[in-house]
Amino acid sequence: MVDIVFLLLIFFLVTWNFARQETELDVKVPTAKEGKESRRAVGEVIINVKSDGTILMNRRVMTGEELGKTLKKISELYPDQAVILRGDESADYRHIVAVLDICRAANIWNVAFATGRHE
């Protein structure tokens, strides 16, 4: 039991630290009139899709297969895990849909899209 609690604590600390830095990547999310900056939650998983379709999670470039395996492990440990998808505004929609398919295949159902504030 202590091992599980310890692993949970490590997971949340590591993902929280990476989540704070994920918004600093070279991904320009589209703006929305009703968009707002949200507070970052501990344990939040952020997936960035760059304009060329490159996928990044925890500041690491991943293939679709690597992302799927990682998300599958996360969903097994945390069935209600939320994912924030930050797609660059100039990325082809097919790249965003591909990441959504990967999330669904990994049993991640709680996916939110990041937007910027409309100036």
PDB file of N, CA and C in Angstrom:
ATOM      1  N   MET A   1       0.825  -1.197   0.000  1.00  0.00           N
ATOM      2  CA  MET A   1       0.000   0.000   0.000  1.00  0.00           C
ATOM      3  C   MET A   1       0.863   1.252   0.000  1.00  0.00           C
ATOM      4  N   VAL A   2       1.921   1.228   0.803  1.00  0.00           N
ATOM      5  CA  VAL A   2       2.833   2.374   0.881  1.00  0.00           C
ATOM      6  C   VAL A   2       3.489   2.598  -0.468  1.00  0.00           C
ATOM      7  N   ASP A   3       3.823   1.510  -1.190  1.00  0.00           N
ATOM      8  CA  ASP A   3       4.447   1.627  -2.503  1.00  0.00           C
ATOM      9  C   ASP A   3       3.524   2.343  -3.492  1.00  0.00           C
ATOM     10  N   ILE A   4       2.250   2.027  -3.462  1.00  0.00           N
ATOM     11  CA  ILE A   4       1.295   2.657  -4.375  1.00  0.00           C
ATOM     12  C   ILE A   4       1.166   4.137  -4.059  1.00  0.00           C
ATOM     13  N   VAL A   5       1.060   4.485  -2.808  1.00  0.00           N
ATOM     14  CA  VAL A   5       0.957   5.891  -2.408  1.00  0.00           C
ATOM     15  C   VAL A   5       2.213   6.645  -2.837  1.00  0.00           C
ATOM     16  N   PHE A   6       3.364   6.032  -2.640  1.00  0.00           N
ATOM     17  CA  PHE A   6       4.624   6.648  -3.032  1.00  0.00           C
ATOM     18  C   PHE A   6       4.679   6.861  -4.539  1.00  0.00           C
ATOM     19  N   LEU A   7       4.251   5.858  -5.328  1.00  0.00           N
ATOM     20  CA  LEU A   7       4.231   5.992  -6.787  1.00  0.00           C
ATOM     21  C   LEU A   7       3.261   7.088  -7.224  1.00  0.00           C
ATOM     22  N   LEU A   8       2.112   7.160  -6.589  1.00  0.00           N
ATOM     23  CA  LEU A   8       1.148   8.208  -6.914  1.00  0.00           C
ATOM     24  C   LEU A   8       1.738   9.592  -6.646  1.00  0.00           C
ATOM     25  N   LEU A   9       2.389   9.736  -5.518  1.00  0.00           N
ATOM     26  CA  LEU A   9       2.998  11.008  -5.162  1.00  0.00           C
ATOM     27  C   LEU A   9       4.060  11.407  -6.180  1.00  0.00           C
ATOM     28  N   ILE A  10       4.905  10.472  -6.564  1.00  0.00           N
ATOM     29  CA  ILE A  10       5.938  10.762  -7.562  1.00  0.00           C
ATOM     30  C   ILE A  10       5.297  11.151  -8.886  1.00  0.00           C
ATOM     31  N   PHE A  11       4.280  10.395  -9.330  1.00  0.00           N
ATOM     32  CA  PHE A  11       3.613  10.707 -10.598  1.00  0.00           C
ATOM     33  C   PHE A  11       3.063  12.125 -10.595  1.00  0.00           C
ATOM     34  N   PHE A  12       2.344  12.496  -9.544  1.00  0.00           N
ATOM     35  CA  PHE A  12       1.745  13.818  -9.504  1.00  0.00           C
ATOM     36  C   PHE A  12       2.784  14.922  -9.432  1.00  0.00           C
ATOM     37  N   LEU A  13       3.854  14.714  -8.699  1.00  0.00           N
ATOM     38  CA  LEU A  13       4.900  15.735  -8.623  1.00  0.00           C
ATOM     39  C   LEU A  13       5.604  15.923  -9.964  1.00  0.00           C
ATOM     40  N   VAL A  14       5.920  14.833 -10.617  1.00  0.00           N
ATOM     41  CA  VAL A  14       6.612  14.921 -11.905  1.00  0.00           C
ATOM     42  C   VAL A  14       5.711  15.530 -12.970  1.00  0.00           C
ATOM     43  N   THR A  15       4.469  15.067 -13.067  1.00  0.00           N
ATOM     44  CA  THR A  15       3.587  15.595 -14.110  1.00  0.00           C
ATOM     45  C   THR A  15       3.213  17.046 -13.836  1.00  0.00           C
ATOM     46  N   TRP A  16       3.089  17.428 -12.580  1.00  0.00           N
ATOM     47  CA  TRP A  16       2.788  18.830 -12.275  1.00  0.00           C
ATOM     48  C   TRP A  16       3.926  19.725 -12.737  1.00  0.00           C
ATOM     49  N   ASN A  17       5.157  19.314 -12.484  1.00  0.00           N
ATOM     50  CA  ASN A  17       6.314  20.102 -12.899  1.00  0.00           C
ATOM     51  C   ASN A  17       6.370  20.218 -14.420  1.00  0.00           C
ATOM     52  N   PHE A  18       6.151  19.121 -15.136  1.00  0.00           N
ATOM     53  CA  PHE A  18       6.162  19.167 -16.585  1.00  0.00           C
ATOM     54  C   PHE A  18       4.988  19.989 -17.114  1.00  0.00           C
ATOM     55  N   ALA A  19       3.828  19.879 -16.508  1.00  0.00           N
ATOM     56  CA  ALA A  19       2.653  20.610 -16.970  1.00  0.00           C
ATOM     57  C   ALA A  19       2.865  22.112 -16.902  1.00  0.00           C
ATOM     58  N   ARG A  20       3.583  22.564 -15.868  1.00  0.00           N
ATOM     59  CA  ARG A  20       3.871  23.996 -15.766  1.00  0.00           C
ATOM     60  C   ARG A  20       4.703  24.461 -16.950  1.00  0.00           C
ATOM     61  N   GLN A  21       5.606  23.621 -17.436  1.00  0.00           N
ATOM     62  CA  GLN A  21       6.513  23.996 -18.511  1.00  0.00           C
ATOM     63  C   GLN A  21       5.923  23.757 -19.892  1.00  0.00           C
ATOM     64  N   GLU A  22       4.917  22.920 -20.024  1.00  0.00           N
ATOM     65  CA  GLU A  22       4.359  22.572 -21.324  1.00  0.00           C
ATOM     66  C   GLU A  22       3.802  23.777 -22.068  1.00  0.00           C
ATOM     67  N   THR A  23       3.275  24.740 -21.355  1.00  0.00           N
ATOM     68  CA  THR A  23       2.686  25.898 -22.021  1.00  0.00           C
ATOM     69  C   THR A  23       3.747  26.842 -22.553  1.00  0.00           C
ATOM     70  N   GLU A  24       5.015  26.584 -22.250  1.00  0.00           N
ATOM     71  CA  GLU A  24       6.092  27.428 -22.739  1.00  0.00           C
ATOM     72  C   GLU A  24       6.629  26.941 -24.082  1.00  0.00           C
ATOM     73  N   LEU A  25       6.157  25.826 -24.588  1.00  0.00           N
ATOM     74  CA  LEU A  25       6.652  25.276 -25.834  1.00  0.00           C
ATOM     75  C   LEU A  25       6.223  26.133 -27.015  1.00  0.00           C
ATOM     76  N   ASP A  26       6.860  25.888 -28.143  1.00  0.00           N
ATOM     77  CA  ASP A  26       6.601  26.648 -29.356  1.00  0.00           C
ATOM     78  C   ASP A  26       5.322  26.172 -30.049  1.00  0.00           C
ATOM     79  N   VAL A  27       4.205  26.269 -29.332  1.00  0.00           N
ATOM     80  CA  VAL A  27       2.894  25.909 -29.865  1.00  0.00           C
ATOM     81  C   VAL A  27       1.976  27.096 -29.632  1.00  0.00           C
ATOM     82  N   LYS A  28       1.460  27.665 -30.705  1.00  0.00           N
ATOM     83  CA  LYS A  28       0.551  28.808 -30.598  1.00  0.00           C
ATOM     84  C   LYS A  28      -0.870  28.290 -30.765  1.00  0.00           C
ATOM     85  N   VAL A  29      -1.590  28.215 -29.651  1.00  0.00           N
ATOM     86  CA  VAL A  29      -2.961  27.703 -29.706  1.00  0.00           C
ATOM     87  C   VAL A  29      -3.880  28.777 -30.270  1.00  0.00           C
ATOM     88  N   PRO A  30      -4.965  28.361 -30.919  1.00  0.00           N
ATOM     89  CA  PRO A  30      -5.914  29.346 -31.435  1.00  0.00           C
ATOM     90  C   PRO A  30      -6.577  30.115 -30.299  1.00  0.00           C
ATOM     91  N   THR A  31      -7.045  31.306 -30.607  1.00  0.00           N
ATOM     92  CA  THR A  31      -7.733  32.099 -29.597  1.00  0.00           C
ATOM     93  C   THR A  31      -9.241  31.899 -29.720  1.00  0.00           C
ATOM     94  N   ALA A  32      -9.929  32.191 -28.633  1.00  0.00           N
ATOM     95  CA  ALA A  32     -11.387  32.085 -28.603  1.00  0.00           C
ATOM     96  C   ALA A  32     -11.923  33.249 -27.787  1.00  0.00           C
ATOM     97  N   LYS A  33     -13.059  33.785 -28.197  1.00  0.00           N
ATOM     98  CA  LYS A  33     -13.670  34.888 -27.447  1.00  0.00           C
ATOM     99  C   LYS A  33     -13.882  34.528 -25.996  1.00  0.00           C
ATOM    100  N   GLU A  34     -14.326  33.324 -25.760  1.00  0.00           N
ATOM    101  CA  GLU A  34     -14.623  32.882 -24.405  1.00  0.00           C
ATOM    102  C   GLU A  34     -13.457  32.124 -23.781  1.00  0.00           C
ATOM    103  N   GLY A  35     -12.310  32.105 -24.451  1.00  0.00           N
ATOM    104  CA  GLY A  35     -11.134  31.415 -23.924  1.00  0.00           C
ATOM    105  C   GLY A  35     -10.608  32.116 -22.684  1.00  0.00           C
ATOM    106  N   LYS A  36     -10.059  31.341 -21.789  1.00  0.00           N
ATOM    107  CA  LYS A  36      -9.486  31.921 -20.583  1.00  0.00           C
ATOM    108  C   LYS A  36      -8.335  31.049 -20.123  1.00  0.00           C
ATOM    109  N   GLU A  37      -7.439  31.645 -19.396  1.00  0.00           N
ATOM    110  CA  GLU A  37      -6.327  30.907 -18.833  1.00  0.00           C
ATOM    111  C   GLU A  37      -6.855  30.087 -17.660  1.00  0.00           C
ATOM    112  N   SER A  38      -6.570  28.807 -17.676  1.00  0.00           N
ATOM    113  CA  SER A  38      -7.023  27.972 -16.565  1.00  0.00           C
ATOM    114  C   SER A  38      -5.852  27.693 -15.638  1.00  0.00           C
ATOM    115  N   ARG A  39      -6.186  27.404 -14.411  1.00  0.00           N
ATOM    116  CA  ARG A  39      -5.155  27.022 -13.456  1.00  0.00           C
ATOM    117  C   ARG A  39      -4.662  25.632 -13.793  1.00  0.00           C
ATOM    118  N   ARG A  40      -3.415  25.420 -13.603  1.00  0.00           N
ATOM    119  CA  ARG A  40      -2.824  24.110 -13.855  1.00  0.00           C
ATOM    120  C   ARG A  40      -3.083  23.210 -12.653  1.00  0.00           C
ATOM    121  N   ALA A  41      -3.533  22.003 -12.930  1.00  0.00           N
ATOM    122  CA  ALA A  41      -3.829  21.045 -11.868  1.00  0.00           C
ATOM    123  C   ALA A  41      -2.667  20.069 -11.702  1.00  0.00           C
ATOM    124  N   VAL A  42      -2.482  19.609 -10.502  1.00  0.00           N
ATOM    125  CA  VAL A  42      -1.471  18.601 -10.226  1.00  0.00           C
ATOM    126  C   VAL A  42      -1.854  17.325 -10.960  1.00  0.00           C
ATOM    127  N   GLY A  43      -0.900  16.704 -11.625  1.00  0.00           N
ATOM    128  CA  GLY A  43      -1.162  15.463 -12.339  1.00  0.00           C
ATOM    129  C   GLY A  43      -1.740  15.651 -13.721  1.00  0.00           C
ATOM    130  N   GLU A  44      -1.857  16.871 -14.163  1.00  0.00           N
ATOM    131  CA  GLU A  44      -2.427  17.176 -15.469  1.00  0.00           C
ATOM    132  C   GLU A  44      -1.505  16.672 -16.581  1.00  0.00           C
ATOM    133  N   VAL A  45      -2.082  16.042 -17.580  1.00  0.00           N
ATOM    134  CA  VAL A  45      -1.322  15.560 -18.730  1.00  0.00           C
ATOM    135  C   VAL A  45      -1.584  16.521 -19.882  1.00  0.00           C
ATOM    136  N   ILE A  46      -0.507  17.069 -20.436  1.00  0.00           N
ATOM    137  CA  ILE A  46      -0.627  18.002 -21.547  1.00  0.00           C
ATOM    138  C   ILE A  46       0.074  17.412 -22.763  1.00  0.00           C
ATOM    139  N   ILE A  47      -0.653  17.361 -23.874  1.00  0.00           N
ATOM    140  CA  ILE A  47      -0.096  16.882 -25.138  1.00  0.00           C
ATOM    141  C   ILE A  47      -0.077  18.071 -26.098  1.00  0.00           C
ATOM    142  N   ASN A  48       1.089  18.354 -26.654  1.00  0.00           N
ATOM    143  CA  ASN A  48       1.242  19.432 -27.619  1.00  0.00           C
ATOM    144  C   ASN A  48       1.374  18.837 -29.012  1.00  0.00           C
ATOM    145  N   VAL A  49       0.696  19.457 -29.983  1.00  0.00           N
ATOM    146  CA  VAL A  49       0.831  19.074 -31.381  1.00  0.00           C
ATOM    147  C   VAL A  49       1.333  20.307 -32.115  1.00  0.00           C
ATOM    148  N   LYS A  50       2.561  20.226 -32.600  1.00  0.00           N
ATOM    149  CA  LYS A  50       3.163  21.363 -33.294  1.00  0.00           C
ATOM    150  C   LYS A  50       2.592  21.486 -34.700  1.00  0.00           C
ATOM    151  N   SER A  51       2.890  22.583 -35.356  1.00  0.00           N
ATOM    152  CA  SER A  51       2.328  22.858 -36.682  1.00  0.00           C
ATOM    153  C   SER A  51       2.692  21.785 -37.703  1.00  0.00           C
ATOM    154  N   ASP A  52       3.842  21.136 -37.536  1.00  0.00           N
ATOM    155  CA  ASP A  52       4.252  20.093 -38.477  1.00  0.00           C
ATOM    156  C   ASP A  52       3.725  18.707 -38.092  1.00  0.00           C
ATOM    157  N   GLY A  53       2.931  18.630 -37.024  1.00  0.00           N
ATOM    158  CA  GLY A  53       2.354  17.365 -36.585  1.00  0.00           C
ATOM    159  C   GLY A  53       3.165  16.653 -35.520  1.00  0.00           C
ATOM    160  N   THR A  54       4.304  17.220 -35.129  1.00  0.00           N
ATOM    161  CA  THR A  54       5.121  16.632 -34.080  1.00  0.00           C
ATOM    162  C   THR A  54       4.333  16.598 -32.771  1.00  0.00           C
ATOM    163  N   ILE A  55       4.373  15.453 -32.098  1.00  0.00           N
ATOM    164  CA  ILE A  55       3.664  15.269 -30.825  1.00  0.00           C
ATOM    165  C   ILE A  55       4.673  15.358 -29.690  1.00  0.00           C
ATOM    166  N   LEU A  56       4.342  16.167 -28.688  1.00  0.00           N
ATOM    167  CA  LEU A  56       5.195  16.291 -27.507  1.00  0.00           C
ATOM    168  C   LEU A  56       4.363  16.062 -26.261  1.00  0.00           C
ATOM    169  N   MET A  57       4.935  15.294 -25.343  1.00  0.00           N
ATOM    170  CA  MET A  57       4.327  15.109 -24.031  1.00  0.00           C
ATOM    171  C   MET A  57       5.458  15.140 -23.016  1.00  0.00           C
ATOM    172  N   ASN A  58       5.297  15.950 -21.991  1.00  0.00           N
ATOM    173  CA  ASN A  58       6.349  16.126 -20.991  1.00  0.00           C
ATOM    174  C   ASN A  58       7.661  16.558 -21.632  1.00  0.00           C
ATOM    175  N   ARG A  59       7.541  17.481 -22.593  1.00  0.00           N
ATOM    176  CA  ARG A  59       8.683  18.073 -23.291  1.00  0.00           C
ATOM    177  C   ARG A  59       9.500  17.050 -24.064  1.00  0.00           C
ATOM    178  N   ARG A  60       8.883  15.934 -24.387  1.00  0.00           N
ATOM    179  CA  ARG A  60       9.561  14.870 -25.123  1.00  0.00           C
ATOM    180  C   ARG A  60       8.794  14.560 -26.394  1.00  0.00           C
ATOM    181  N   VAL A  61       9.520  14.537 -27.518  1.00  0.00           N
ATOM    182  CA  VAL A  61       8.909  14.172 -28.788  1.00  0.00           C
ATOM    183  C   VAL A  61       8.558  12.695 -28.737  1.00  0.00           C
ATOM    184  N   MET A  62       7.336  12.391 -29.179  1.00  0.00           N
ATOM    185  CA  MET A  62       6.868  10.999 -29.150  1.00  0.00           C
ATOM    186  C   MET A  62       6.250  10.638 -30.485  1.00  0.00           C
ATOM    187  N   THR A  63       6.364   9.370 -30.835  1.00  0.00           N
ATOM    188  CA  THR A  63       5.617   8.857 -31.970  1.00  0.00           C
ATOM    189  C   THR A  63       4.195   8.577 -31.488  1.00  0.00           C
ATOM    190  N   GLY A  64       3.300   8.341 -32.418  1.00  0.00           N
ATOM    191  CA  GLY A  64       1.940   7.984 -32.034  1.00  0.00           C
ATOM    192  C   GLY A  64       1.898   6.715 -31.212  1.00  0.00           C
ATOM    193  N   GLU A  65       2.742   5.755 -31.559  1.00  0.00           N
ATOM    194  CA  GLU A  65       2.791   4.492 -30.828  1.00  0.00           C
ATOM    195  C   GLU A  65       3.287   4.702 -29.396  1.00  0.00           C
ATOM    196  N   GLU A  66       4.331   5.511 -29.227  1.00  0.00           N
ATOM    197  CA  GLU A  66       4.850   5.789 -27.882  1.00  0.00           C
ATOM    198  C   GLU A  66       3.809   6.511 -27.033  1.00  0.00           C
ATOM    199  N   LEU A  67       3.125   7.475 -27.647  1.00  0.00           N
ATOM    200  CA  LEU A  67       2.079   8.203 -26.927  1.00  0.00           C
ATOM    201  C   LEU A  67       0.973   7.248 -26.493  1.00  0.00           C
ATOM    202  N   GLY A  68       0.568   6.372 -27.387  1.00  0.00           N
ATOM    203  CA  GLY A  68      -0.482   5.411 -27.061  1.00  0.00           C
ATOM    204  C   GLY A  68      -0.114   4.512 -25.892  1.00  0.00           C
ATOM    205  N   LYS A  69       1.114   4.003 -25.895  1.00  0.00           N
ATOM    206  CA  LYS A  69       1.566   3.136 -24.802  1.00  0.00           C
ATOM    207  C   LYS A  69       1.602   3.902 -23.481  1.00  0.00           C
ATOM    208  N   THR A  70       2.095   5.132 -23.523  1.00  0.00           N
ATOM    209  CA  THR A  70       2.176   5.944 -22.306  1.00  0.00           C
ATOM    210  C   THR A  70       0.789   6.256 -21.764  1.00  0.00           C
ATOM    211  N   LEU A  71      -0.118   6.670 -22.644  1.00  0.00           N
ATOM    212  CA  LEU A  71      -1.477   6.995 -22.207  1.00  0.00           C
ATOM    213  C   LEU A  71      -2.209   5.760 -21.692  1.00  0.00           C
ATOM    214  N   LYS A  72      -1.950   4.614 -22.284  1.00  0.00           N
ATOM    215  CA  LYS A  72      -2.590   3.373 -21.824  1.00  0.00           C
ATOM    216  C   LYS A  72      -2.171   3.068 -20.386  1.00  0.00           C
ATOM    217  N   LYS A  73      -0.874   3.227 -20.097  1.00  0.00           N
ATOM    218  CA  LYS A  73      -0.390   2.995 -18.731  1.00  0.00           C
ATOM    219  C   LYS A  73      -1.035   3.977 -17.757  1.00  0.00           C
ATOM    220  N   ILE A  74      -1.125   5.238 -18.178  1.00  0.00           N
ATOM    221  CA  ILE A  74      -1.732   6.254 -17.314  1.00  0.00           C
ATOM    222  C   ILE A  74      -3.194   5.937 -17.056  1.00  0.00           C
ATOM    223  N   SER A  75      -3.923   5.562 -18.107  1.00  0.00           N
ATOM    224  CA  SER A  75      -5.359   5.292 -17.935  1.00  0.00           C
ATOM    225  C   SER A  75      -5.612   4.059 -17.075  1.00  0.00           C
ATOM    226  N   GLU A  76      -4.681   3.113 -17.078  1.00  0.00           N
ATOM    227  CA  GLU A  76      -4.832   1.939 -16.214  1.00  0.00           C
ATOM    228  C   GLU A  76      -4.669   2.325 -14.749  1.00  0.00           C
ATOM    229  N   LEU A  77      -3.751   3.253 -14.479  1.00  0.00           N
ATOM    230  CA  LEU A  77      -3.536   3.705 -13.099  1.00  0.00           C
ATOM    231  C   LEU A  77      -4.592   4.714 -12.659  1.00  0.00           C
ATOM    232  N   TYR A  78      -4.994   5.583 -13.582  1.00  0.00           N
ATOM    233  CA  TYR A  78      -5.930   6.672 -13.280  1.00  0.00           C
ATOM    234  C   TYR A  78      -7.030   6.690 -14.340  1.00  0.00           C
ATOM    235  N   PRO A  79      -8.085   5.908 -14.152  1.00  0.00           N
ATOM    236  CA  PRO A  79      -9.132   5.766 -15.174  1.00  0.00           C
ATOM    237  C   PRO A  79      -9.810   7.076 -15.594  1.00  0.00           C
ATOM    238  N   ASP A  80      -9.847   8.072 -14.735  1.00  0.00           N
ATOM    239  CA  ASP A  80     -10.503   9.335 -15.069  1.00  0.00           C
ATOM    240  C   ASP A  80      -9.511  10.433 -15.426  1.00  0.00           C
ATOM    241  N   GLN A  81      -8.300  10.064 -15.797  1.00  0.00           N
ATOM    242  CA  GLN A  81      -7.249  11.042 -16.085  1.00  0.00           C
ATOM    243  C   GLN A  81      -7.679  12.005 -17.196  1.00  0.00           C
ATOM    244  N   ALA A  82      -7.541  13.290 -16.926  1.00  0.00           N
ATOM    245  CA  ALA A  82      -7.837  14.313 -17.931  1.00  0.00           C
ATOM    246  C   ALA A  82      -6.583  14.604 -18.746  1.00  0.00           C
ATOM    247  N   VAL A  83      -6.790  14.948 -20.009  1.00  0.00           N
ATOM    248  CA  VAL A  83      -5.709  15.324 -20.911  1.00  0.00           C
ATOM    249  C   VAL A  83      -6.048  16.676 -21.518  1.00  0.00           C
ATOM    250  N   ILE A  84      -5.066  17.563 -21.554  1.00  0.00           N
ATOM    251  CA  ILE A  84      -5.215  18.855 -22.220  1.00  0.00           C
ATOM    252  C   ILE A  84      -4.484  18.746 -23.556  1.00  0.00           C
ATOM    253  N   LEU A  85      -5.187  18.983 -24.643  1.00  0.00           N
ATOM    254  CA  LEU A  85      -4.602  18.928 -25.982  1.00  0.00           C
ATOM    255  C   LEU A  85      -4.345  20.342 -26.466  1.00  0.00           C
ATOM    256  N   ARG A  86      -3.077  20.669 -26.674  1.00  0.00           N
ATOM    257  CA  ARG A  86      -2.659  21.985 -27.161  1.00  0.00           C
ATOM    258  C   ARG A  86      -2.218  21.836 -28.603  1.00  0.00           C
ATOM    259  N   GLY A  87      -3.112  22.096 -29.531  1.00  0.00           N
ATOM    260  CA  GLY A  87      -2.789  21.994 -30.952  1.00  0.00           C
ATOM    261  C   GLY A  87      -2.433  23.354 -31.514  1.00  0.00           C
ATOM    262  N   ASP A  88      -1.314  23.428 -32.221  1.00  0.00           N
ATOM    263  CA  ASP A  88      -0.920  24.681 -32.849  1.00  0.00           C
ATOM    264  C   ASP A  88      -2.009  25.101 -33.842  1.00  0.00           C
ATOM    265  N   GLU A  89      -2.275  26.401 -33.899  1.00  0.00           N
ATOM    266  CA  GLU A  89      -3.356  26.881 -34.759  1.00  0.00           C
ATOM    267  C   GLU A  89      -3.103  26.620 -36.241  1.00  0.00           C
ATOM    268  N   SER A  90      -1.848  26.383 -36.625  1.00  0.00           N
ATOM    269  CA  SER A  90      -1.562  26.111 -38.033  1.00  0.00           C
ATOM    270  C   SER A  90      -1.373  24.622 -38.321  1.00  0.00           C
ATOM    271  N   ALA A  91      -1.585  23.774 -37.335  1.00  0.00           N
ATOM    272  CA  ALA A  91      -1.462  22.321 -37.537  1.00  0.00           C
ATOM    273  C   ALA A  91      -2.645  21.823 -38.355  1.00  0.00           C
ATOM    274  N   ASP A  92      -2.368  20.868 -39.236  1.00  0.00           N
ATOM    275  CA  ASP A  92      -3.461  20.240 -39.983  1.00  0.00           C
ATOM    276  C   ASP A  92      -4.383  19.527 -39.003  1.00  0.00           C
ATOM    277  N   TYR A  93      -5.665  19.633 -39.263  1.00  0.00           N
ATOM    278  CA  TYR A  93      -6.663  19.027 -38.387  1.00  0.00           C
ATOM    279  C   TYR A  93      -6.458  17.521 -38.250  1.00  0.00           C
ATOM    280  N   ARG A  94      -5.926  16.888 -39.287  1.00  0.00           N
ATOM    281  CA  ARG A  94      -5.703  15.439 -39.248  1.00  0.00           C
ATOM    282  C   ARG A  94      -4.735  15.046 -38.134  1.00  0.00           C
ATOM    283  N   HIS A  95      -3.784  15.933 -37.813  1.00  0.00           N
ATOM    284  CA  HIS A  95      -2.841  15.643 -36.728  1.00  0.00           C
ATOM    285  C   HIS A  95      -3.567  15.658 -35.372  1.00  0.00           C
ATOM    286  N   ILE A  96      -4.490  16.584 -35.221  1.00  0.00           N
ATOM    287  CA  ILE A  96      -5.263  16.675 -33.975  1.00  0.00           C
ATOM    288  C   ILE A  96      -6.159  15.440 -33.844  1.00  0.00           C
ATOM    289  N   VAL A  97      -6.812  15.063 -34.935  1.00  0.00           N
ATOM    290  CA  VAL A  97      -7.698  13.895 -34.929  1.00  0.00           C
ATOM    291  C   VAL A  97      -6.897  12.625 -34.631  1.00  0.00           C
ATOM    292  N   ALA A  98      -5.687  12.536 -35.156  1.00  0.00           N
ATOM    293  CA  ALA A  98      -4.850  11.363 -34.890  1.00  0.00           C
ATOM    294  C   ALA A  98      -4.559  11.241 -33.392  1.00  0.00           C
ATOM    295  N   VAL A  99      -4.276  12.364 -32.727  1.00  0.00           N
ATOM    296  CA  VAL A  99      -4.019  12.329 -31.281  1.00  0.00           C
ATOM    297  C   VAL A  99      -5.297  11.967 -30.527  1.00  0.00           C
ATOM    298  N   LEU A 100      -6.428  12.480 -30.966  1.00  0.00           N
ATOM    299  CA  LEU A 100      -7.701  12.107 -30.333  1.00  0.00           C
ATOM    300  C   LEU A 100      -7.957  10.608 -30.465  1.00  0.00           C
ATOM    301  N   ASP A 101      -7.646  10.036 -31.625  1.00  0.00           N
ATOM    302  CA  ASP A 101      -7.798   8.590 -31.821  1.00  0.00           C
ATOM    303  C   ASP A 101      -6.892   7.813 -30.876  1.00  0.00           C
ATOM    304  N   ILE A 102      -5.676   8.305 -30.694  1.00  0.00           N
ATOM    305  CA  ILE A 102      -4.729   7.653 -29.784  1.00  0.00           C
ATOM    306  C   ILE A 102      -5.272   7.698 -28.356  1.00  0.00           C
ATOM    307  N   CYS A 103      -5.804   8.856 -27.964  1.00  0.00           N
ATOM    308  CA  CYS A 103      -6.384   8.990 -26.619  1.00  0.00           C
ATOM    309  C   CYS A 103      -7.525   7.995 -26.430  1.00  0.00           C
ATOM    310  N   ARG A 104      -8.398   7.926 -27.400  1.00  0.00           N
ATOM    311  CA  ARG A 104      -9.562   7.032 -27.295  1.00  0.00           C
ATOM    312  C   ARG A 104      -9.129   5.575 -27.222  1.00  0.00           C
ATOM    313  N   ALA A 105      -8.137   5.195 -28.041  1.00  0.00           N
ATOM    314  CA  ALA A 105      -7.647   3.817 -28.034  1.00  0.00           C
ATOM    315  C   ALA A 105      -7.007   3.464 -26.687  1.00  0.00           C
ATOM    316  N   ALA A 106      -6.468   4.480 -25.997  1.00  0.00           N
ATOM    317  CA  ALA A 106      -5.841   4.269 -24.686  1.00  0.00           C
ATOM    318  C   ALA A 106      -6.854   4.385 -23.553  1.00  0.00           C
ATOM    319  N   ASN A 107      -8.138   4.530 -23.897  1.00  0.00           N
ATOM    320  CA  ASN A 107      -9.226   4.658 -22.924  1.00  0.00           C
ATOM    321  C   ASN A 107      -9.172   5.980 -22.153  1.00  0.00           C
ATOM    322  N   ILE A 108      -8.642   7.007 -22.798  1.00  0.00           N
ATOM    323  CA  ILE A 108      -8.685   8.363 -22.248  1.00  0.00           C
ATOM    324  C   ILE A 108      -9.894   9.038 -22.885  1.00  0.00           C
ATOM    325  N   TRP A 109     -10.852   9.384 -22.071  1.00  0.00           N
ATOM    326  CA  TRP A 109     -12.090   9.975 -22.591  1.00  0.00           C
ATOM    327  C   TRP A 109     -12.238  11.440 -22.213  1.00  0.00           C
ATOM    328  N   ASN A 110     -11.491  11.902 -21.232  1.00  0.00           N
ATOM    329  CA  ASN A 110     -11.612  13.280 -20.741  1.00  0.00           C
ATOM    330  C   ASN A 110     -10.534  14.148 -21.382  1.00  0.00           C
ATOM    331  N   VAL A 111     -10.829  14.677 -22.569  1.00  0.00           N
ATOM    332  CA  VAL A 111      -9.869  15.481 -23.329  1.00  0.00           C
ATOM    333  C   VAL A 111     -10.424  16.899 -23.490  1.00  0.00           C
ATOM    334  N   ALA A 112      -9.607  17.873 -23.129  1.00  0.00           N
ATOM    335  CA  ALA A 112      -9.985  19.281 -23.295  1.00  0.00           C
ATOM    336  C   ALA A 112      -9.011  19.925 -24.281  1.00  0.00           C
ATOM    337  N   PHE A 113      -9.501  20.917 -24.998  1.00  0.00           N
ATOM    338  CA  PHE A 113      -8.678  21.636 -25.964  1.00  0.00           C
ATOM    339  C   PHE A 113      -8.260  22.975 -25.375  1.00  0.00           C
ATOM    340  N   ALA A 114      -6.973  23.274 -25.473  1.00  0.00           N
ATOM    341  CA  ALA A 114      -6.464  24.545 -24.960  1.00  0.00           C
ATOM    342  C   ALA A 114      -6.674  25.632 -26.008  1.00  0.00           C
ATOM    343  N   THR A 115      -7.107  26.798 -25.550  1.00  0.00           N
ATOM    344  CA  THR A 115      -7.207  27.969 -26.407  1.00  0.00           C
ATOM    345  C   THR A 115      -6.584  29.141 -25.678  1.00  0.00           C
ATOM    346  N   GLY A 116      -6.225  30.152 -26.442  1.00  0.00           N
ATOM    347  CA  GLY A 116      -5.716  31.369 -25.846  1.00  0.00           C
ATOM    348  C   GLY A 116      -6.827  32.386 -25.699  1.00  0.00           C
ATOM    349  N   ARG A 117      -6.531  33.445 -24.989  1.00  0.00           N
ATOM    350  CA  ARG A 117      -7.507  34.513 -24.811  1.00  0.00           C
ATOM    351  C   ARG A 117      -7.561  35.383 -26.050  1.00  0.00           C
ATOM    352  N   HIS A 118      -8.762  35.689 -26.494  1.00  0.00           N
ATOM    353  CA  HIS A 118      -8.969  36.559 -27.639  1.00  0.00           C
ATOM    354  C   HIS A 118      -8.657  37.995 -27.199  1.00  0.00           C
ATOM    355  N   GLU A 119      -7.753  38.625 -27.888  1.00  0.00           N
ATOM    356  CA  GLU A 119      -7.349  39.995 -27.520  1.00  0.00           C
ATOM    357  C   GLU A 119      -8.279  41.014 -28.124  1.00  0.00           C
TER     358      GLU A 119
END
